[in-house]
Amino acid sequence: MFSLNSSHRYFLYQGYCDMRKSFDGLCGLVVSELNRNATSGDVFVFLNRQRTHIKLLHWEHGGFVLYYKRLEQGSFPLPKRQVLSWADLVLMIEGIQVQKSRQLRRYQI
């Protein structure tokens, strides 16, 4: 079951990832390159050089989950930030690129 939502934090790996990497290889990138704990419950986003493949690594209770999508046409837009919001991730996966936007301030707890 797809269990990602807006309550998670999303971190984009800034380099390009070899999509042959699986759980252990991606965890190594999280620890060595992003300086994060892979079992923190955060979601880590990886793209290949052509941005046609995306992997999301997430720790859930009991183990890792790896989400993988390959595009047949086009490429994923590259976000400008390393820390993504749920909205940024959804727009990126759906292939929607916002040319100009202004996000109003909202109260957060």
PDB file of N, CA and C in Angstrom:
ATOM      1  N   MET A   1       0.837  -1.183   0.000  1.00  0.00           N
ATOM      2  CA  MET A   1       0.000   0.000   0.000  1.00  0.00           C
ATOM      3  C   MET A   1       0.883   1.247   0.000  1.00  0.00           C
ATOM      4  N   PHE A   2       0.528   2.217  -0.799  1.00  0.00           N
ATOM      5  CA  PHE A   2       1.268   3.471  -0.879  1.00  0.00           C
ATOM      6  C   PHE A   2       0.941   4.291   0.366  1.00  0.00           C
ATOM      7  N   SER A   3       1.921   4.488   1.234  1.00  0.00           N
ATOM      8  CA  SER A   3       1.635   5.125   2.520  1.00  0.00           C
ATOM      9  C   SER A   3       2.351   6.461   2.698  1.00  0.00           C
ATOM     10  N   LEU A   4       2.722   7.117   1.625  1.00  0.00           N
ATOM     11  CA  LEU A   4       3.365   8.412   1.751  1.00  0.00           C
ATOM     12  C   LEU A   4       2.299   9.503   1.755  1.00  0.00           C
ATOM     13  N   ASN A   5       2.560  10.547   2.536  1.00  0.00           N
ATOM     14  CA  ASN A   5       1.607  11.653   2.620  1.00  0.00           C
ATOM     15  C   ASN A   5       2.323  12.923   3.051  1.00  0.00           C
ATOM     16  N   SER A   6       1.567  13.939   3.363  1.00  0.00           N
ATOM     17  CA  SER A   6       2.149  15.243   3.684  1.00  0.00           C
ATOM     18  C   SER A   6       2.800  15.295   5.065  1.00  0.00           C
ATOM     19  N   SER A   7       2.654  14.261   5.867  1.00  0.00           N
ATOM     20  CA  SER A   7       3.267  14.277   7.196  1.00  0.00           C
ATOM     21  C   SER A   7       4.747  13.861   7.161  1.00  0.00           C
ATOM     22  N   HIS A   8       5.223  13.369   6.032  1.00  0.00           N
ATOM     23  CA  HIS A   8       6.621  12.961   5.907  1.00  0.00           C
ATOM     24  C   HIS A   8       7.478  14.128   5.420  1.00  0.00           C
ATOM     25  N   ARG A   9       8.784  13.998   5.664  1.00  0.00           N
ATOM     26  CA  ARG A   9       9.746  14.945   5.102  1.00  0.00           C
ATOM     27  C   ARG A   9      10.424  14.265   3.924  1.00  0.00           C
ATOM     28  N   TYR A  10      10.679  15.023   2.856  1.00  0.00           N
ATOM     29  CA  TYR A  10      11.215  14.484   1.617  1.00  0.00           C
ATOM     30  C   TYR A  10      12.535  15.168   1.301  1.00  0.00           C
ATOM     31  N   PHE A  11      13.566  14.356   1.049  1.00  0.00           N
ATOM     32  CA  PHE A  11      14.894  14.868   0.757  1.00  0.00           C
ATOM     33  C   PHE A  11      15.325  14.377  -0.614  1.00  0.00           C
ATOM     34  N   LEU A  12      15.710  15.305  -1.478  1.00  0.00           N
ATOM     35  CA  LEU A  12      16.154  14.978  -2.824  1.00  0.00           C
ATOM     36  C   LEU A  12      17.667  14.827  -2.831  1.00  0.00           C
ATOM     37  N   TYR A  13      18.134  13.704  -3.337  1.00  0.00           N
ATOM     38  CA  TYR A  13      19.566  13.496  -3.533  1.00  0.00           C
ATOM     39  C   TYR A  13      19.989  14.368  -4.710  1.00  0.00           C
ATOM     40  N   GLN A  14      20.963  15.253  -4.486  1.00  0.00           N
ATOM     41  CA  GLN A  14      21.333  16.258  -5.494  1.00  0.00           C
ATOM     42  C   GLN A  14      22.100  15.691  -6.681  1.00  0.00           C
ATOM     43  N   GLY A  15      22.801  14.597  -6.503  1.00  0.00           N
ATOM     44  CA  GLY A  15      23.534  14.001  -7.613  1.00  0.00           C
ATOM     45  C   GLY A  15      22.640  13.103  -8.437  1.00  0.00           C
ATOM     46  N   TYR A  16      23.256  12.416  -9.373  1.00  0.00           N
ATOM     47  CA  TYR A  16      22.521  11.438 -10.166  1.00  0.00           C
ATOM     48  C   TYR A  16      22.796  10.060  -9.599  1.00  0.00           C
ATOM     49  N   CYS A  17      21.779   9.234  -9.570  1.00  0.00           N
ATOM     50  CA  CYS A  17      21.877   7.925  -8.929  1.00  0.00           C
ATOM     51  C   CYS A  17      21.878   6.815  -9.974  1.00  0.00           C
ATOM     52  N   ASP A  18      22.702   5.819  -9.726  1.00  0.00           N
ATOM     53  CA  ASP A  18      22.689   4.604 -10.534  1.00  0.00           C
ATOM     54  C   ASP A  18      21.454   3.810 -10.124  1.00  0.00           C
ATOM     55  N   MET A  19      20.519   3.626 -11.029  1.00  0.00           N
ATOM     56  CA  MET A  19      19.244   2.984 -10.686  1.00  0.00           C
ATOM     57  C   MET A  19      19.367   1.477 -10.446  1.00  0.00           C
ATOM     58  N   ARG A  20      20.583   0.936 -10.586  1.00  0.00           N
ATOM     59  CA  ARG A  20      20.784  -0.463 -10.211  1.00  0.00           C
ATOM     60  C   ARG A  20      20.913  -0.620  -8.710  1.00  0.00           C
ATOM     61  N   LYS A  21      21.102   0.496  -8.011  1.00  0.00           N
ATOM     62  CA  LYS A  21      21.214   0.443  -6.546  1.00  0.00           C
ATOM     63  C   LYS A  21      19.871   0.052  -5.951  1.00  0.00           C
ATOM     64  N   SER A  22      19.945  -0.752  -4.914  1.00  0.00           N
ATOM     65  CA  SER A  22      18.736  -1.151  -4.211  1.00  0.00           C
ATOM     66  C   SER A  22      18.804  -0.614  -2.785  1.00  0.00           C
ATOM     67  N   PHE A  23      18.199  -1.298  -1.853  1.00  0.00           N
ATOM     68  CA  PHE A  23      18.075  -0.815  -0.480  1.00  0.00           C
ATOM     69  C   PHE A  23      19.416  -0.429   0.142  1.00  0.00           C
ATOM     70  N   ASP A  24      20.370  -1.337   0.123  1.00  0.00           N
ATOM     71  CA  ASP A  24      21.645  -1.084   0.791  1.00  0.00           C
ATOM     72  C   ASP A  24      22.442   0.022   0.111  1.00  0.00           C
ATOM     73  N   GLY A  25      22.477   0.034  -1.197  1.00  0.00           N
ATOM     74  CA  GLY A  25      23.212   1.070  -1.923  1.00  0.00           C
ATOM     75  C   GLY A  25      22.610   2.453  -1.711  1.00  0.00           C
ATOM     76  N   LEU A  26      21.286   2.533  -1.721  1.00  0.00           N
ATOM     77  CA  LEU A  26      20.627   3.817  -1.499  1.00  0.00           C
ATOM     78  C   LEU A  26      20.793   4.281  -0.051  1.00  0.00           C
ATOM     79  N   CYS A  27      20.755   3.343   0.891  1.00  0.00           N
ATOM     80  CA  CYS A  27      21.001   3.694   2.299  1.00  0.00           C
ATOM     81  C   CYS A  27      22.409   4.249   2.470  1.00  0.00           C
ATOM     82  N   GLY A  28      23.367   3.687   1.751  1.00  0.00           N
ATOM     83  CA  GLY A  28      24.733   4.194   1.791  1.00  0.00           C
ATOM     84  C   GLY A  28      24.810   5.632   1.304  1.00  0.00           C
ATOM     85  N   LEU A  29      24.069   5.970   0.247  1.00  0.00           N
ATOM     86  CA  LEU A  29      24.041   7.346  -0.243  1.00  0.00           C
ATOM     87  C   LEU A  29      23.388   8.286   0.764  1.00  0.00           C
ATOM     88  N   VAL A  30      22.346   7.810   1.416  1.00  0.00           N
ATOM     89  CA  VAL A  30      21.663   8.640   2.418  1.00  0.00           C
ATOM     90  C   VAL A  30      22.614   8.992   3.556  1.00  0.00           C
ATOM     91  N   VAL A  31      23.347   7.995   4.033  1.00  0.00           N
ATOM     92  CA  VAL A  31      24.250   8.217   5.167  1.00  0.00           C
ATOM     93  C   VAL A  31      25.472   9.028   4.751  1.00  0.00           C
ATOM     94  N   SER A  32      26.111   8.661   3.636  1.00  0.00           N
ATOM     95  CA  SER A  32      27.379   9.301   3.271  1.00  0.00           C
ATOM     96  C   SER A  32      27.208  10.654   2.588  1.00  0.00           C
ATOM     97  N   GLU A  33      26.217  10.800   1.726  1.00  0.00           N
ATOM     98  CA  GLU A  33      26.064  12.035   0.947  1.00  0.00           C
ATOM     99  C   GLU A  33      25.083  13.023   1.576  1.00  0.00           C
ATOM    100  N   LEU A  34      23.977  12.512   2.112  1.00  0.00           N
ATOM    101  CA  LEU A  34      22.969  13.408   2.679  1.00  0.00           C
ATOM    102  C   LEU A  34      23.149  13.624   4.183  1.00  0.00           C
ATOM    103  N   ASN A  35      24.029  12.837   4.793  1.00  0.00           N
ATOM    104  CA  ASN A  35      24.279  12.918   6.241  1.00  0.00           C
ATOM    105  C   ASN A  35      22.992  12.790   7.055  1.00  0.00           C
ATOM    106  N   ARG A  36      22.152  11.846   6.661  1.00  0.00           N
ATOM    107  CA  ARG A  36      20.875  11.590   7.341  1.00  0.00           C
ATOM    108  C   ARG A  36      20.838  10.137   7.778  1.00  0.00           C
ATOM    109  N   ASN A  37      19.923   9.834   8.688  1.00  0.00           N
ATOM    110  CA  ASN A  37      19.697   8.467   9.134  1.00  0.00           C
ATOM    111  C   ASN A  37      18.618   7.857   8.240  1.00  0.00           C
ATOM    112  N   ALA A  38      18.934   6.782   7.570  1.00  0.00           N
ATOM    113  CA  ALA A  38      17.999   6.171   6.616  1.00  0.00           C
ATOM    114  C   ALA A  38      16.764   5.587   7.298  1.00  0.00           C
ATOM    115  N   THR A  39      16.856   5.269   8.578  1.00  0.00           N
ATOM    116  CA  THR A  39      15.724   4.674   9.303  1.00  0.00           C
ATOM    117  C   THR A  39      14.946   5.720  10.110  1.00  0.00           C
ATOM    118  N   SER A  40      15.071   6.984   9.741  1.00  0.00           N
ATOM    119  CA  SER A  40      14.405   8.059  10.483  1.00  0.00           C
ATOM    120  C   SER A  40      12.914   8.181  10.156  1.00  0.00           C
ATOM    121  N   GLY A  41      12.474   7.548   9.079  1.00  0.00           N
ATOM    122  CA  GLY A  41      11.089   7.688   8.646  1.00  0.00           C
ATOM    123  C   GLY A  41      10.928   8.727   7.550  1.00  0.00           C
ATOM    124  N   ASP A  42      12.016   9.456   7.247  1.00  0.00           N
ATOM    125  CA  ASP A  42      11.981  10.410   6.144  1.00  0.00           C
ATOM    126  C   ASP A  42      11.995   9.656   4.818  1.00  0.00           C
ATOM    127  N   VAL A  43      11.621  10.353   3.759  1.00  0.00           N
ATOM    128  CA  VAL A  43      11.600   9.764   2.422  1.00  0.00           C
ATOM    129  C   VAL A  43      12.727  10.402   1.614  1.00  0.00           C
ATOM    130  N   PHE A  44      13.497   9.555   0.938  1.00  0.00           N
ATOM    131  CA  PHE A  44      14.643  10.013   0.160  1.00  0.00           C
ATOM    132  C   PHE A  44      14.373   9.756  -1.315  1.00  0.00           C
ATOM    133  N   VAL A  45      14.566  10.797  -2.127  1.00  0.00           N
ATOM    134  CA  VAL A  45      14.210  10.768  -3.542  1.00  0.00           C
ATOM    135  C   VAL A  45      15.483  10.748  -4.379  1.00  0.00           C
ATOM    136  N   PHE A  46      15.553   9.818  -5.340  1.00  0.00           N
ATOM    137  CA  PHE A  46      16.726   9.653  -6.205  1.00  0.00           C
ATOM    138  C   PHE A  46      16.280   9.668  -7.662  1.00  0.00           C
ATOM    139  N   LEU A  47      17.057  10.363  -8.506  1.00  0.00           N
ATOM    140  CA  LEU A  47      16.806  10.415  -9.948  1.00  0.00           C
ATOM    141  C   LEU A  47      18.032   9.937 -10.706  1.00  0.00           C
ATOM    142  N   ASN A  48      17.816   9.371 -11.896  1.00  0.00           N
ATOM    143  CA  ASN A  48      18.953   9.016 -12.747  1.00  0.00           C
ATOM    144  C   ASN A  48      19.376  10.227 -13.578  1.00  0.00           C
ATOM    145  N   ARG A  49      20.455  10.098 -14.331  1.00  0.00           N
ATOM    146  CA  ARG A  49      21.019  11.229 -15.068  1.00  0.00           C
ATOM    147  C   ARG A  49      20.030  11.822 -16.076  1.00  0.00           C
ATOM    148  N   GLN A  50      19.273  10.991 -16.772  1.00  0.00           N
ATOM    149  CA  GLN A  50      18.322  11.478 -17.762  1.00  0.00           C
ATOM    150  C   GLN A  50      17.001  11.925 -17.127  1.00  0.00           C
ATOM    151  N   ARG A  51      16.848  11.686 -15.833  1.00  0.00           N
ATOM    152  CA  ARG A  51      15.636  12.003 -15.066  1.00  0.00           C
ATOM    153  C   ARG A  51      14.406  11.290 -15.629  1.00  0.00           C
ATOM    154  N   THR A  52      14.611  10.050 -16.092  1.00  0.00           N
ATOM    155  CA  THR A  52      13.504   9.238 -16.578  1.00  0.00           C
ATOM    156  C   THR A  52      13.093   8.179 -15.564  1.00  0.00           C
ATOM    157  N   HIS A  53      13.911   7.999 -14.535  1.00  0.00           N
ATOM    158  CA  HIS A  53      13.626   7.033 -13.473  1.00  0.00           C
ATOM    159  C   HIS A  53      13.694   7.746 -12.127  1.00  0.00           C
ATOM    160  N   ILE A  54      12.794   7.365 -11.235  1.00  0.00           N
ATOM    161  CA  ILE A  54      12.794   7.929  -9.888  1.00  0.00           C
ATOM    162  C   ILE A  54      12.609   6.792  -8.881  1.00  0.00           C
ATOM    163  N   LYS A  55      13.344   6.880  -7.780  1.00  0.00           N
ATOM    164  CA  LYS A  55      13.190   5.933  -6.675  1.00  0.00           C
ATOM    165  C   LYS A  55      12.975   6.719  -5.396  1.00  0.00           C
ATOM    166  N   LEU A  56      12.075   6.229  -4.567  1.00  0.00           N
ATOM    167  CA  LEU A  56      11.817   6.806  -3.265  1.00  0.00           C
ATOM    168  C   LEU A  56      12.096   5.740  -2.222  1.00  0.00           C
ATOM    169  N   LEU A  57      12.986   6.027  -1.295  1.00  0.00           N
ATOM    170  CA  LEU A  57      13.347   5.098  -0.226  1.00  0.00           C
ATOM    171  C   LEU A  57      12.718   5.588   1.063  1.00  0.00           C
ATOM    172  N   HIS A  58      11.983   4.691   1.722  1.00  0.00           N
ATOM    173  CA  HIS A  58      11.256   5.063   2.934  1.00  0.00           C
ATOM    174  C   HIS A  58      11.322   3.925   3.946  1.00  0.00           C
ATOM    175  N   TRP A  59      11.591   4.290   5.196  1.00  0.00           N
ATOM    176  CA  TRP A  59      11.577   3.312   6.284  1.00  0.00           C
ATOM    177  C   TRP A  59      10.200   3.314   6.923  1.00  0.00           C
ATOM    178  N   GLU A  60       9.551   2.160   6.919  1.00  0.00           N
ATOM    179  CA  GLU A  60       8.286   1.973   7.617  1.00  0.00           C
ATOM    180  C   GLU A  60       8.521   0.999   8.743  1.00  0.00           C
ATOM    181  N   HIS A  61       7.551   0.868   9.605  1.00  0.00           N
ATOM    182  CA  HIS A  61       7.680  -0.066  10.719  1.00  0.00           C
ATOM    183  C   HIS A  61       7.983  -1.467  10.185  1.00  0.00           C
ATOM    184  N   GLY A  62       9.152  -1.966  10.510  1.00  0.00           N
ATOM    185  CA  GLY A  62       9.508  -3.320  10.110  1.00  0.00           C
ATOM    186  C   GLY A  62      10.440  -3.425   8.921  1.00  0.00           C
ATOM    187  N   GLY A  63      10.658  -2.349   8.179  1.00  0.00           N
ATOM    188  CA  GLY A  63      11.579  -2.468   7.056  1.00  0.00           C
ATOM    189  C   GLY A  63      11.479  -1.332   6.067  1.00  0.00           C
ATOM    190  N   PHE A  64      12.331  -1.422   5.052  1.00  0.00           N
ATOM    191  CA  PHE A  64      12.383  -0.403   4.012  1.00  0.00           C
ATOM    192  C   PHE A  64      11.356  -0.681   2.927  1.00  0.00           C
ATOM    193  N   VAL A  65      10.866   0.398   2.330  1.00  0.00           N
ATOM    194  CA  VAL A  65       9.983   0.327   1.166  1.00  0.00           C
ATOM    195  C   VAL A  65      10.659   1.133   0.070  1.00  0.00           C
ATOM    196  N   LEU A  66      10.653   0.593  -1.135  1.00  0.00           N
ATOM    197  CA  LEU A  66      11.267   1.261  -2.270  1.00  0.00           C
ATOM    198  C   LEU A  66      10.200   1.445  -3.346  1.00  0.00           C
ATOM    199  N   TYR A  67       9.899   2.701  -3.669  1.00  0.00           N
ATOM    200  CA  TYR A  67       8.966   3.027  -4.738  1.00  0.00           C
ATOM    201  C   TYR A  67       9.795   3.389  -5.965  1.00  0.00           C
ATOM    202  N   TYR A  68       9.377   2.890  -7.129  1.00  0.00           N
ATOM    203  CA  TYR A  68      10.164   3.060  -8.347  1.00  0.00           C
ATOM    204  C   TYR A  68       9.229   3.369  -9.504  1.00  0.00           C
ATOM    205  N   LYS A  69       9.556   4.406 -10.274  1.00  0.00           N
ATOM    206  CA  LYS A  69       8.762   4.733 -11.447  1.00  0.00           C
ATOM    207  C   LYS A  69       9.698   5.024 -12.610  1.00  0.00           C
ATOM    208  N   ARG A  70       9.356   4.460 -13.776  1.00  0.00           N
ATOM    209  CA  ARG A  70      10.110   4.691 -15.003  1.00  0.00           C
ATOM    210  C   ARG A  70       9.166   5.314 -16.023  1.00  0.00           C
ATOM    211  N   LEU A  71       9.592   6.440 -16.582  1.00  0.00           N
ATOM    212  CA  LEU A  71       8.784   7.106 -17.595  1.00  0.00           C
ATOM    213  C   LEU A  71       9.077   6.524 -18.965  1.00  0.00           C
ATOM    214  N   GLU A  72       8.061   6.370 -19.761  1.00  0.00           N
ATOM    215  CA  GLU A  72       8.230   5.921 -21.138  1.00  0.00           C
ATOM    216  C   GLU A  72       8.525   7.099 -22.060  1.00  0.00           C
ATOM    217  N   GLN A  73       8.064   8.299 -21.682  1.00  0.00           N
ATOM    218  CA  GLN A  73       8.299   9.516 -22.456  1.00  0.00           C
ATOM    219  C   GLN A  73       8.567  10.657 -21.498  1.00  0.00           C
ATOM    220  N   GLY A  74       9.382  11.597 -21.912  1.00  0.00           N
ATOM    221  CA  GLY A  74       9.628  12.785 -21.116  1.00  0.00           C
ATOM    222  C   GLY A  74      10.591  12.534 -19.974  1.00  0.00           C
ATOM    223  N   SER A  75      10.649  13.490 -19.056  1.00  0.00           N
ATOM    224  CA  SER A  75      11.533  13.373 -17.898  1.00  0.00           C
ATOM    225  C   SER A  75      10.901  14.085 -16.716  1.00  0.00           C
ATOM    226  N   PHE A  76      11.385  13.744 -15.539  1.00  0.00           N
ATOM    227  CA  PHE A  76      10.906  14.391 -14.322  1.00  0.00           C
ATOM    228  C   PHE A  76      11.526  15.782 -14.220  1.00  0.00           C
ATOM    229  N   PRO A  77      10.741  16.802 -13.859  1.00  0.00           N
ATOM    230  CA  PRO A  77      11.336  18.124 -13.648  1.00  0.00           C
ATOM    231  C   PRO A  77      12.222  18.094 -12.406  1.00  0.00           C
ATOM    232  N   LEU A  78      13.293  18.847 -12.442  1.00  0.00           N
ATOM    233  CA  LEU A  78      14.242  18.862 -11.333  1.00  0.00           C
ATOM    234  C   LEU A  78      13.911  20.015 -10.390  1.00  0.00           C
ATOM    235  N   PRO A  79      13.508  19.712  -9.144  1.00  0.00           N
ATOM    236  CA  PRO A  79      13.222  20.788  -8.183  1.00  0.00           C
ATOM    237  C   PRO A  79      14.495  21.545  -7.816  1.00  0.00           C
ATOM    238  N   LYS A  80      14.332  22.769  -7.408  1.00  0.00           N
ATOM    239  CA  LYS A  80      15.471  23.613  -7.050  1.00  0.00           C
ATOM    240  C   LYS A  80      15.978  23.341  -5.637  1.00  0.00           C
ATOM    241  N   ARG A  81      15.117  22.795  -4.791  1.00  0.00           N
ATOM    242  CA  ARG A  81      15.465  22.607  -3.381  1.00  0.00           C
ATOM    243  C   ARG A  81      15.803  21.162  -3.067  1.00  0.00           C
ATOM    244  N   GLN A  82      16.585  20.970  -2.014  1.00  0.00           N
ATOM    245  CA  GLN A  82      16.913  19.616  -1.566  1.00  0.00           C
ATOM    246  C   GLN A  82      15.814  19.060  -0.663  1.00  0.00           C
ATOM    247  N   VAL A  83      15.189  19.913   0.120  1.00  0.00           N
ATOM    248  CA  VAL A  83      14.083  19.483   0.979  1.00  0.00           C
ATOM    249  C   VAL A  83      12.794  19.808   0.242  1.00  0.00           C
ATOM    250  N   LEU A  84      12.015  18.754  -0.038  1.00  0.00           N
ATOM    251  CA  LEU A  84      10.794  18.900  -0.822  1.00  0.00           C
ATOM    252  C   LEU A  84       9.572  18.833   0.077  1.00  0.00           C
ATOM    253  N   SER A  85       8.508  19.461  -0.362  1.00  0.00           N
ATOM    254  CA  SER A  85       7.222  19.309   0.302  1.00  0.00           C
ATOM    255  C   SER A  85       6.454  18.195  -0.409  1.00  0.00           C
ATOM    256  N   TRP A  86       5.354  17.773   0.198  1.00  0.00           N
ATOM    257  CA  TRP A  86       4.498  16.766  -0.417  1.00  0.00           C
ATOM    258  C   TRP A  86       3.991  17.278  -1.772  1.00  0.00           C
ATOM    259  N   ALA A  87       3.613  18.548  -1.823  1.00  0.00           N
ATOM    260  CA  ALA A  87       3.115  19.135  -3.068  1.00  0.00           C
ATOM    261  C   ALA A  87       4.198  19.132  -4.150  1.00  0.00           C
ATOM    262  N   ASP A  88       5.443  19.463  -3.775  1.00  0.00           N
ATOM    263  CA  ASP A  88       6.554  19.437  -4.737  1.00  0.00           C
ATOM    264  C   ASP A  88       6.739  18.034  -5.315  1.00  0.00           C
ATOM    265  N   LEU A  89       6.675  17.024  -4.449  1.00  0.00           N
ATOM    266  CA  LEU A  89       6.863  15.639  -4.890  1.00  0.00           C
ATOM    267  C   LEU A  89       5.745  15.203  -5.830  1.00  0.00           C
ATOM    268  N   VAL A  90       4.521  15.504  -5.482  1.00  0.00           N
ATOM    269  CA  VAL A  90       3.386  15.110  -6.321  1.00  0.00           C
ATOM    270  C   VAL A  90       3.475  15.787  -7.688  1.00  0.00           C
ATOM    271  N   LEU A  91       3.793  17.083  -7.710  1.00  0.00           N
ATOM    272  CA  LEU A  91       3.937  17.790  -8.988  1.00  0.00           C
ATOM    273  C   LEU A  91       5.063  17.184  -9.819  1.00  0.00           C
ATOM    274  N   MET A  92       6.162  16.838  -9.165  1.00  0.00           N
ATOM    275  CA  MET A  92       7.298  16.262  -9.872  1.00  0.00           C
ATOM    276  C   MET A  92       6.934  14.902 -10.476  1.00  0.00           C
ATOM    277  N   ILE A  93       6.286  14.052  -9.712  1.00  0.00           N
ATOM    278  CA  ILE A  93       5.933  12.711 -10.199  1.00  0.00           C
ATOM    279  C   ILE A  93       4.883  12.780 -11.303  1.00  0.00           C
ATOM    280  N   GLU A  94       3.960  13.725 -11.196  1.00  0.00           N
ATOM    281  CA  GLU A  94       2.914  13.871 -12.213  1.00  0.00           C
ATOM    282  C   GLU A  94       3.389  14.630 -13.444  1.00  0.00           C
ATOM    283  N   GLY A  95       4.602  15.193 -13.384  1.00  0.00           N
ATOM    284  CA  GLY A  95       5.155  15.876 -14.551  1.00  0.00           C
ATOM    285  C   GLY A  95       4.634  17.281 -14.749  1.00  0.00           C
ATOM    286  N   ILE A  96       4.171  17.888 -13.671  1.00  0.00           N
ATOM    287  CA  ILE A  96       3.650  19.249 -13.754  1.00  0.00           C
ATOM    288  C   ILE A  96       4.747  20.210 -13.342  1.00  0.00           C
ATOM    289  N   GLN A  97       5.048  21.139 -14.221  1.00  0.00           N
ATOM    290  CA  GLN A  97       6.087  22.114 -13.930  1.00  0.00           C
ATOM    291  C   GLN A  97       5.440  23.492 -13.846  1.00  0.00           C
ATOM    292  N   VAL A  98       5.519  24.075 -12.670  1.00  0.00           N
ATOM    293  CA  VAL A  98       4.929  25.389 -12.434  1.00  0.00           C
ATOM    294  C   VAL A  98       5.932  26.443 -12.882  1.00  0.00           C
ATOM    295  N   GLN A  99       5.516  27.306 -13.797  1.00  0.00           N
ATOM    296  CA  GLN A  99       6.402  28.328 -14.321  1.00  0.00           C
ATOM    297  C   GLN A  99       6.580  29.480 -13.346  1.00  0.00           C
ATOM    298  N   LYS A 100       5.482  29.918 -12.768  1.00  0.00           N
ATOM    299  CA  LYS A 100       5.557  31.022 -11.814  1.00  0.00           C
ATOM    300  C   LYS A 100       4.481  30.814 -10.764  1.00  0.00           C
ATOM    301  N   SER A 101       4.887  30.850  -9.513  1.00  0.00           N
ATOM    302  CA  SER A 101       3.913  30.691  -8.446  1.00  0.00           C
ATOM    303  C   SER A 101       4.341  31.516  -7.245  1.00  0.00           C
ATOM    304  N   ARG A 102       3.404  31.741  -6.378  1.00  0.00           N
ATOM    305  CA  ARG A 102       3.686  32.454  -5.145  1.00  0.00           C
ATOM    306  C   ARG A 102       2.926  31.739  -4.051  1.00  0.00           C
ATOM    307  N   GLN A 103       3.642  31.202  -3.087  1.00  0.00           N
ATOM    308  CA  GLN A 103       3.004  30.487  -1.994  1.00  0.00           C
ATOM    309  C   GLN A 103       2.851  31.430  -0.810  1.00  0.00           C
ATOM    310  N   LEU A 104       1.640  31.576  -0.338  1.00  0.00           N
ATOM    311  CA  LEU A 104       1.356  32.446   0.779  1.00  0.00           C
ATOM    312  C   LEU A 104       1.755  31.778   2.087  1.00  0.00           C
ATOM    313  N   ARG A 105       2.112  32.570   3.064  1.00  0.00           N
ATOM    314  CA  ARG A 105       2.523  32.042   4.363  1.00  0.00           C
ATOM    315  C   ARG A 105       1.324  31.420   5.061  1.00  0.00           C
ATOM    316  N   ARG A 106       1.559  30.317   5.708  1.00  0.00           N
ATOM    317  CA  ARG A 106       0.530  29.628   6.475  1.00  0.00           C
ATOM    318  C   ARG A 106       1.086  29.320   7.863  1.00  0.00           C
ATOM    319  N   TYR A 107       0.207  29.301   8.810  1.00  0.00           N
ATOM    320  CA  TYR A 107       0.580  28.957  10.178  1.00  0.00           C
ATOM    321  C   TYR A 107       0.887  27.477  10.258  1.00  0.00           C
ATOM    322  N   GLN A 108       2.029  27.128  10.874  1.00  0.00           N
ATOM    323  CA  GLN A 108       2.400  25.729  11.064  1.00  0.00           C
ATOM    324  C   GLN A 108       2.745  25.496  12.515  1.00  0.00           C
ATOM    325  N   ILE A 109       2.357  24.375  12.997  1.00  0.00           N
ATOM    326  CA  ILE A 109       2.666  24.005  14.391  1.00  0.00           C
ATOM    327  C   ILE A 109       4.027  23.391  14.478  1.00  0.00           C
TER     328      ILE A 109
END
